[in-house]
Amino acid sequence: MRTTCVVVGAGHSGLAMSYFLTQASIDHVILERGEIANSWKFERWNSLRLLTPNWQVRLPGHDYSGDDPDGFMGMSEIISFIEQYASEVAAPVHEHTSVTSVSAQDGNYKVITNQYEWFCETVVIASGACNLPNIPAIAERFPASITMLSPLQYRNPDQLDPGGVLVVGASATGAQIAEEIQRSGRAVTLAVGEHVRLPRRYRDKDIQWWMDATGLLDEKYTEIDDLNRARKLPSPQLVGSPDHKTLDLNTLGNLGVALRGKLAGINEGNLQFSGSLRNVCALADLKMNRLLNTIDEWVTENDLDDKFPAGERYAPTRVEDDPPLTMKLEQEGIKTVVWATGFHPDTSWLDLPIYNHKGAIRHDGGVIDAPGLYLLGSTFLRRRKSSFIHGAEDDARELSRELVDYLTNRN
């Protein structure tokens, strides 16, 4: 079968690209391994809510229209939003169509799936940046008696065995899961590495409002000194709760979560933690306060100090004077480990020489180092907001123009 463009993935990024391809009269198909919004339906925990407020959830030609703009969508609402969008734009989605290979053929591309073979001039990879969990090699050294889960497998505390839980990783995912499990009555230990601390609200506005208003979310990848580091930054410690609460390590400590340093090793059931917990937390506090200072400066520069209440400063992260550097799994009753250690994309089906020495796709703002090949949905792809739902619109618009220019110039 033939088409001009194959889009791989029917999540919000793939659907945003479809919108602009339709606007440009580019015939295309979207190939989806499961269902529309598949990851949201089958690879998220039950209580998950978006980190962005509802007013910020939008896709090309489709804004939020509900009656709770300052709230946060839960799973069912997210799924409905994406499904409704796919229907409204009449996206040409082929569900339950898994791509098994994309290869070059006579200056074009051959896309093999479990259903058909497609031949096309261009391919857009919008299959997601969180397909596979980053499980560190140290996991292989844990006793077989310990149940280990990734965030893609975790659903709720009821699925866990009785006993203590070790959550490894303290970014948004780890912090949210640690809180939920602790509130269920299980004792949680949280291994803390590098993290980004942010308040949910500041000066009477959501932190995302400030990031948007000050232009930080629109900061382009070409304006960043260390783009590689920016793309690897962990997601901020935020939660989209109805009460707009701040979720940080102090909150977790107040609930009884035991904070430890980064997991460094294991020997016969004895865990070793890094001694850098205090420094890691101090650095996160410092960066948070720098951001709040930037917001204050923006308010003053725009003569808005009278409009917003004075900004508060948050207490430093509390860390024990001498946090334990070791822990015996059996003695602490740890029965489950949740690896909240990040994710990476699964592009094993790309049979193309487009990877760098670290196994990442070589691209310039989503324009891959191969003619007619594009990437969407990655962290900080073209802007700081790229990984958010509303960030897909600008990225997809610009990449669709790149795609159209490529087709025009080659014909």
Foldseek 3Di string as FASTA:
>chain_A
DEFAEEEEAQELLSLLLLLQCVVVVGTYAYEAQADRVVCLVQFAAQFAWDLDFQQLFAGVPGHRDDDGRRATDGSVRSRVRSVVSCVVSVHRYDHNWAWQAWDDDPQWIWTDTPPDIYTHRFYEYAHAFFPFFDDDPQVVVADPQAAEAENRRHHALVVDDPFAEEEAEDAQVSLVRLVRNLVVVHAYEYAYDAAAEEWQDWLHGGVVVLCVVLCQQFAWCVNDPCSVVLLVHGHHNGGRDPVSGGGDLVVSVVSPHHYFYHFDHDDPQKTFHDQCVVVSQVVNLVVRVVVVVVSVVVCVVVVNPVVTDDTDRDDGRDDDPGRDGMDGCVVRGHRYYYYHPGGGDDPVNYPDPQADPVGDGDDQLQHGPGQNYGYAQGCSSTGNNRNPSSNSNVSSNVVSVVNVVSVVVVD
